[in-house]
């Protein structure tokens, strides 16, 4: 996972005109692709120095696909 944690302002500034973030940018911040729900709040908590668990992407249960 990335060592650098961006500030909330940096996260907002990196947003594209289309309203998203690139896979490369998120990878630099240690965010998996596709980004899981709550990734911005996770980064903000981490930036504030809070102890947060690693952010993992939730894989859908195979049974849910059928």
PDB file of N, CA and C in Angstrom:
ATOM      1  N   UNK A   1       0.849  -1.180   0.000  1.00  0.00           N
ATOM      2  CA  UNK A   1       0.000   0.000   0.000  1.00  0.00           C
ATOM      3  C   UNK A   1       0.887   1.233   0.000  1.00  0.00           C
ATOM      4  N   UNK A   2       0.389   2.313  -0.539  1.00  0.00           N
ATOM      5  CA  UNK A   2       1.154   3.544  -0.658  1.00  0.00           C
ATOM      6  C   UNK A   2       1.432   4.160   0.711  1.00  0.00           C
ATOM      7  N   UNK A   3       2.604   4.808   0.818  1.00  0.00           N
ATOM      8  CA  UNK A   3       2.964   5.487   2.060  1.00  0.00           C
ATOM      9  C   UNK A   3       2.392   6.902   2.111  1.00  0.00           C
ATOM     10  N   UNK A   4       2.251   7.519   0.942  1.00  0.00           N
ATOM     11  CA  UNK A   4       1.757   8.892   0.888  1.00  0.00           C
ATOM     12  C   UNK A   4       0.244   8.917   1.022  1.00  0.00           C
ATOM     13  N   UNK A   5      -0.242   9.784   1.916  1.00  0.00           N
ATOM     14  CA  UNK A   5      -1.687   9.939   2.090  1.00  0.00           C
ATOM     15  C   UNK A   5      -2.047  11.373   1.724  1.00  0.00           C
ATOM     16  N   UNK A   6      -2.852  11.560   0.690  1.00  0.00           N
ATOM     17  CA  UNK A   6      -3.214  12.910   0.260  1.00  0.00           C
ATOM     18  C   UNK A   6      -4.213  13.560   1.212  1.00  0.00           C
ATOM     19  N   UNK A   7      -4.187  14.885   1.236  1.00  0.00           N
ATOM     20  CA  UNK A   7      -5.180  15.622   2.020  1.00  0.00           C
ATOM     21  C   UNK A   7      -6.515  15.566   1.283  1.00  0.00           C
ATOM     22  N   UNK A   8      -7.615  15.825   1.988  1.00  0.00           N
ATOM     23  CA  UNK A   8      -8.915  15.868   1.302  1.00  0.00           C
ATOM     24  C   UNK A   8      -8.927  16.868   0.144  1.00  0.00           C
ATOM     25  N   UNK A   9      -8.218  17.987   0.298  1.00  0.00           N
ATOM     26  CA  UNK A   9      -8.153  18.973  -0.780  1.00  0.00           C
ATOM     27  C   UNK A   9      -7.415  18.416  -1.997  1.00  0.00           C
ATOM     28  N   UNK A  10      -6.355  17.645  -1.762  1.00  0.00           N
ATOM     29  CA  UNK A  10      -5.611  17.036  -2.868  1.00  0.00           C
ATOM     30  C   UNK A  10      -6.468  16.014  -3.610  1.00  0.00           C
ATOM     31  N   UNK A  11      -7.258  15.266  -2.860  1.00  0.00           N
ATOM     32  CA  UNK A  11      -8.147  14.273  -3.480  1.00  0.00           C
ATOM     33  C   UNK A  11      -9.150  14.982  -4.381  1.00  0.00           C
ATOM     34  N   UNK A  12      -9.728  16.059  -3.880  1.00  0.00           N
ATOM     35  CA  UNK A  12     -10.695  16.826  -4.670  1.00  0.00           C
ATOM     36  C   UNK A  12     -10.034  17.432  -5.903  1.00  0.00           C
ATOM     37  N   UNK A  13      -8.834  17.976  -5.746  1.00  0.00           N
ATOM     38  CA  UNK A  13      -8.131  18.607  -6.853  1.00  0.00           C
ATOM     39  C   UNK A  13      -7.754  17.606  -7.945  1.00  0.00           C
ATOM     40  N   UNK A  14      -7.552  16.343  -7.585  1.00  0.00           N
ATOM     41  CA  UNK A  14      -7.165  15.320  -8.557  1.00  0.00           C
ATOM     42  C   UNK A  14      -8.349  14.768  -9.337  1.00  0.00           C
ATOM     43  N   UNK A  15      -9.557  15.151  -8.956  1.00  0.00           N
ATOM     44  CA  UNK A  15     -10.756  14.661  -9.638  1.00  0.00           C
ATOM     45  C   UNK A  15     -10.799  15.215 -11.054  1.00  0.00           C
ATOM     46  N   UNK A  16     -11.119  14.366 -12.000  1.00  0.00           N
ATOM     47  CA  UNK A  16     -11.188  14.795 -13.404  1.00  0.00           C
ATOM     48  C   UNK A  16     -12.426  15.641 -13.642  1.00  0.00           C
ATOM     49  N   UNK A  17     -12.477  16.275 -14.793  1.00  0.00           N
ATOM     50  CA  UNK A  17     -13.646  17.086 -15.150  1.00  0.00           C
ATOM     51  C   UNK A  17     -14.903  16.228 -15.273  1.00  0.00           C
ATOM     52  N   UNK A  18     -14.700  14.935 -15.519  1.00  0.00           N
ATOM     53  CA  UNK A  18     -15.822  14.006 -15.609  1.00  0.00           C
ATOM     54  C   UNK A  18     -16.314  13.518 -14.256  1.00  0.00           C
ATOM     55  N   UNK A  19     -15.600  13.890 -13.193  1.00  0.00           N
ATOM     56  CA  UNK A  19     -16.053  13.548 -11.848  1.00  0.00           C
ATOM     57  C   UNK A  19     -15.425  12.306 -11.246  1.00  0.00           C
ATOM     58  N   UNK A  20     -14.409  11.746 -11.890  1.00  0.00           N
ATOM     59  CA  UNK A  20     -13.796  10.531 -11.358  1.00  0.00           C
ATOM     60  C   UNK A  20     -12.307  10.696 -11.115  1.00  0.00           C
ATOM     61  N   UNK A  21     -11.669   9.588 -10.808  1.00  0.00           N
ATOM     62  CA  UNK A  21     -10.235   9.540 -10.595  1.00  0.00           C
ATOM     63  C   UNK A  21      -9.665   8.421 -11.452  1.00  0.00           C
ATOM     64  N   UNK A  22      -8.428   8.569 -11.874  1.00  0.00           N
ATOM     65  CA  UNK A  22      -7.827   7.534 -12.707  1.00  0.00           C
ATOM     66  C   UNK A  22      -7.368   6.355 -11.860  1.00  0.00           C
ATOM     67  N   UNK A  23      -7.287   5.230 -12.510  1.00  0.00           N
ATOM     68  CA  UNK A  23      -6.798   4.018 -11.856  1.00  0.00           C
ATOM     69  C   UNK A  23      -5.378   4.255 -11.335  1.00  0.00           C
ATOM     70  N   UNK A  24      -4.566   4.935 -12.145  1.00  0.00           N
ATOM     71  CA  UNK A  24      -3.181   5.225 -11.765  1.00  0.00           C
ATOM     72  C   UNK A  24      -3.125   6.106 -10.521  1.00  0.00           C
ATOM     73  N   UNK A  25      -3.946   7.153 -10.486  1.00  0.00           N
ATOM     74  CA  UNK A  25      -3.947   8.062  -9.332  1.00  0.00           C
ATOM     75  C   UNK A  25      -4.355   7.325  -8.072  1.00  0.00           C
ATOM     76  N   UNK A  26      -5.402   6.531  -8.157  1.00  0.00           N
ATOM     77  CA  UNK A  26      -5.860   5.790  -6.980  1.00  0.00           C
ATOM     78  C   UNK A  26      -4.798   4.800  -6.511  1.00  0.00           C
ATOM     79  N   UNK A  27      -4.106   4.163  -7.448  1.00  0.00           N
ATOM     80  CA  UNK A  27      -3.045   3.223  -7.090  1.00  0.00           C
ATOM     81  C   UNK A  27      -1.923   3.935  -6.324  1.00  0.00           C
ATOM     82  N   UNK A  28      -1.609   5.163  -6.718  1.00  0.00           N
ATOM     83  CA  UNK A  28      -0.583   5.933  -6.012  1.00  0.00           C
ATOM     84  C   UNK A  28      -0.975   6.194  -4.564  1.00  0.00           C
ATOM     85  N   UNK A  29      -2.251   6.243  -4.301  1.00  0.00           N
ATOM     86  CA  UNK A  29      -2.745   6.458  -2.947  1.00  0.00           C
ATOM     87  C   UNK A  29      -3.041   5.145  -2.217  1.00  0.00           C
ATOM     88  N   UNK A  30      -2.817   4.020  -2.894  1.00  0.00           N
ATOM     89  CA  UNK A  30      -3.053   2.716  -2.276  1.00  0.00           C
ATOM     90  C   UNK A  30      -4.487   2.249  -2.314  1.00  0.00           C
ATOM     91  N   UNK A  31      -5.275   2.800  -3.234  1.00  0.00           N
ATOM     92  CA  UNK A  31      -6.687   2.433  -3.351  1.00  0.00           C
ATOM     93  C   UNK A  31      -6.830   1.397  -4.469  1.00  0.00           C
ATOM     94  N   UNK A  32      -7.453   0.240  -4.188  1.00  0.00           N
ATOM     95  CA  UNK A  32      -7.615  -0.792  -5.227  1.00  0.00           C
ATOM     96  C   UNK A  32      -8.607  -0.351  -6.301  1.00  0.00           C
ATOM     97  N   UNK A  33      -8.513  -1.018  -7.450  1.00  0.00           N
ATOM     98  CA  UNK A  33      -9.425  -0.742  -8.566  1.00  0.00           C
ATOM     99  C   UNK A  33     -10.352  -1.910  -8.790  1.00  0.00           C
ATOM    100  N   UNK A  34     -11.618  -1.716  -8.996  1.00  0.00           N
ATOM    101  CA  UNK A  34     -12.320  -0.453  -8.860  1.00  0.00           C
ATOM    102  C   UNK A  34     -12.365  -0.021  -7.398  1.00  0.00           C
ATOM    103  N   UNK A  35     -12.437   1.274  -7.160  1.00  0.00           N
ATOM    104  CA  UNK A  35     -12.377   1.748  -5.777  1.00  0.00           C
ATOM    105  C   UNK A  35     -13.610   1.311  -4.987  1.00  0.00           C
ATOM    106  N   UNK A  36     -13.370   0.776  -3.794  1.00  0.00           N
ATOM    107  CA  UNK A  36     -14.511   0.333  -2.986  1.00  0.00           C
ATOM    108  C   UNK A  36     -15.255   1.521  -2.381  1.00  0.00           C
ATOM    109  N   UNK A  37     -16.483   1.277  -2.020  1.00  0.00           N
ATOM    110  CA  UNK A  37     -17.302   2.307  -1.387  1.00  0.00           C
ATOM    111  C   UNK A  37     -16.600   2.792  -0.119  1.00  0.00           C
ATOM    112  N   UNK A  38     -16.590   4.083   0.090  1.00  0.00           N
ATOM    113  CA  UNK A  38     -16.009   4.657   1.296  1.00  0.00           C
ATOM    114  C   UNK A  38     -14.526   4.962   1.212  1.00  0.00           C
ATOM    115  N   UNK A  39     -13.936   4.856   0.011  1.00  0.00           N
ATOM    116  CA  UNK A  39     -12.489   5.040  -0.100  1.00  0.00           C
ATOM    117  C   UNK A  39     -12.053   6.460   0.237  1.00  0.00           C
ATOM    118  N   UNK A  40     -12.853   7.466  -0.075  1.00  0.00           N
ATOM    119  CA  UNK A  40     -12.459   8.853   0.253  1.00  0.00           C
ATOM    120  C   UNK A  40     -12.488   9.096   1.753  1.00  0.00           C
ATOM    121  N   UNK A  41     -13.496   8.577   2.435  1.00  0.00           N
ATOM    122  CA  UNK A  41     -13.546   8.716   3.893  1.00  0.00           C
ATOM    123  C   UNK A  41     -12.381   7.974   4.536  1.00  0.00           C
ATOM    124  N   UNK A  42     -12.028   6.822   3.972  1.00  0.00           N
ATOM    125  CA  UNK A  42     -10.896   6.045   4.465  1.00  0.00           C
ATOM    126  C   UNK A  42      -9.612   6.872   4.375  1.00  0.00           C
ATOM    127  N   UNK A  43      -9.375   7.486   3.208  1.00  0.00           N
ATOM    128  CA  UNK A  43      -8.178   8.317   3.038  1.00  0.00           C
ATOM    129  C   UNK A  43      -8.188   9.509   3.989  1.00  0.00           C
ATOM    130  N   UNK A  44      -9.335  10.120   4.176  1.00  0.00           N
ATOM    131  CA  UNK A  44      -9.418  11.276   5.066  1.00  0.00           C
ATOM    132  C   UNK A  44      -9.083  10.885   6.505  1.00  0.00           C
ATOM    133  N   UNK A  45      -9.616   9.759   6.954  1.00  0.00           N
ATOM    134  CA  UNK A  45      -9.309   9.284   8.313  1.00  0.00           C
ATOM    135  C   UNK A  45      -7.819   8.984   8.461  1.00  0.00           C
ATOM    136  N   UNK A  46      -7.270   8.354   7.448  1.00  0.00           N
ATOM    137  CA  UNK A  46      -5.849   8.028   7.457  1.00  0.00           C
ATOM    138  C   UNK A  46      -5.008   9.306   7.469  1.00  0.00           C
ATOM    139  N   UNK A  47      -5.407  10.299   6.696  1.00  0.00           N
ATOM    140  CA  UNK A  47      -4.708  11.576   6.633  1.00  0.00           C
ATOM    141  C   UNK A  47      -4.724  12.276   7.990  1.00  0.00           C
ATOM    142  N   UNK A  48      -5.836  12.132   8.729  1.00  0.00           N
ATOM    143  CA  UNK A  48      -5.949  12.726  10.066  1.00  0.00           C
ATOM    144  C   UNK A  48      -5.136  11.965  11.106  1.00  0.00           C
ATOM    145  N   UNK A  49      -4.583  10.823  10.710  1.00  0.00           N
ATOM    146  CA  UNK A  49      -3.770  10.049  11.625  1.00  0.00           C
ATOM    147  C   UNK A  49      -4.531   8.995  12.410  1.00  0.00           C
ATOM    148  N   UNK A  50      -5.773   8.761  12.035  1.00  0.00           N
ATOM    149  CA  UNK A  50      -6.564   7.735  12.709  1.00  0.00           C
ATOM    150  C   UNK A  50      -6.047   6.355  12.317  1.00  0.00           C
ATOM    151  N   UNK A  51      -6.189   5.419  13.222  1.00  0.00           N
ATOM    152  CA  UNK A  51      -5.791   4.037  12.948  1.00  0.00           C
ATOM    153  C   UNK A  51      -6.921   3.375  12.165  1.00  0.00           C
ATOM    154  N   UNK A  52      -6.654   3.076  10.895  1.00  0.00           N
ATOM    155  CA  UNK A  52      -7.675   2.469  10.043  1.00  0.00           C
ATOM    156  C   UNK A  52      -7.183   1.133   9.509  1.00  0.00           C
ATOM    157  N   UNK A  53      -8.113   0.224   9.337  1.00  0.00           N
ATOM    158  CA  UNK A  53      -7.790  -1.093   8.766  1.00  0.00           C
ATOM    159  C   UNK A  53      -7.511  -0.927   7.276  1.00  0.00           C
ATOM    160  N   UNK A  54      -6.771  -1.846   6.687  1.00  0.00           N
ATOM    161  CA  UNK A  54      -6.529  -1.775   5.237  1.00  0.00           C
ATOM    162  C   UNK A  54      -7.849  -1.768   4.471  1.00  0.00           C
ATOM    163  N   UNK A  55      -7.859  -1.003   3.414  1.00  0.00           N
ATOM    164  CA  UNK A  55      -9.053  -0.906   2.575  1.00  0.00           C
ATOM    165  C   UNK A  55      -9.003  -2.007   1.533  1.00  0.00           C
ATOM    166  N   UNK A  56      -9.991  -2.872   1.556  1.00  0.00           N
ATOM    167  CA  UNK A  56     -10.048  -3.992   0.620  1.00  0.00           C
ATOM    168  C   UNK A  56     -11.294  -3.880  -0.234  1.00  0.00           C
ATOM    169  N   UNK A  57     -11.144  -4.262  -1.469  1.00  0.00           N
ATOM    170  CA  UNK A  57     -12.288  -4.288  -2.385  1.00  0.00           C
ATOM    171  C   UNK A  57     -13.114  -5.519  -2.073  1.00  0.00           C
ATOM    172  N   UNK A  58     -14.413  -5.340  -1.952  1.00  0.00           N
ATOM    173  CA  UNK A  58     -15.318  -6.450  -1.666  1.00  0.00           C
ATOM    174  C   UNK A  58     -15.691  -7.160  -2.951  1.00  0.00           C
ATOM    175  N   UNK A  59     -15.388  -8.431  -3.014  1.00  0.00           N
ATOM    176  CA  UNK A  59     -15.769  -9.234  -4.179  1.00  0.00           C
ATOM    177  C   UNK A  59     -17.196  -9.743  -3.960  1.00  0.00           C
ATOM    178  N   UNK A  60     -18.035  -9.689  -4.982  1.00  0.00           N
ATOM    179  CA  UNK A  60     -19.393 -10.215  -4.819  1.00  0.00           C
ATOM    180  C   UNK A  60     -19.366 -11.725  -4.636  1.00  0.00           C
ATOM    181  N   UNK A  61     -20.283 -12.210  -3.877  1.00  0.00           N
ATOM    182  CA  UNK A  61     -20.425 -13.638  -3.672  1.00  0.00           C
ATOM    183  C   UNK A  61     -20.869 -14.256  -5.012  1.00  0.00           C
ATOM    184  N   UNK A  62     -20.262 -15.335  -5.409  1.00  0.00           N
ATOM    185  CA  UNK A  62     -20.605 -15.968  -6.692  1.00  0.00           C
ATOM    186  C   UNK A  62     -22.097 -16.287  -6.773  1.00  0.00           C
ATOM    187  N   UNK A  63     -22.696 -16.692  -5.667  1.00  0.00           N
ATOM    188  CA  UNK A  63     -24.119 -17.033  -5.690  1.00  0.00           C
ATOM    189  C   UNK A  63     -24.985 -15.825  -6.031  1.00  0.00           C
ATOM    190  N   UNK A  64     -24.503 -14.623  -5.702  1.00  0.00           N
ATOM    191  CA  UNK A  64     -25.289 -13.417  -5.975  1.00  0.00           C
ATOM    192  C   UNK A  64     -25.379 -13.121  -7.463  1.00  0.00           C
ATOM    193  N   UNK A  65     -24.514 -13.748  -8.250  1.00  0.00           N
ATOM    194  CA  UNK A  65     -24.530 -13.496  -9.684  1.00  0.00           C
ATOM    195  C   UNK A  65     -25.616 -14.283 -10.417  1.00  0.00           C
ATOM    196  N   UNK A  66     -26.225 -15.237  -9.749  1.00  0.00           N
ATOM    197  CA  UNK A  66     -27.209 -16.074 -10.425  1.00  0.00           C
ATOM    198  C   UNK A  66     -28.588 -15.937  -9.877  1.00  0.00           C
TER     199      UNK A  66
END
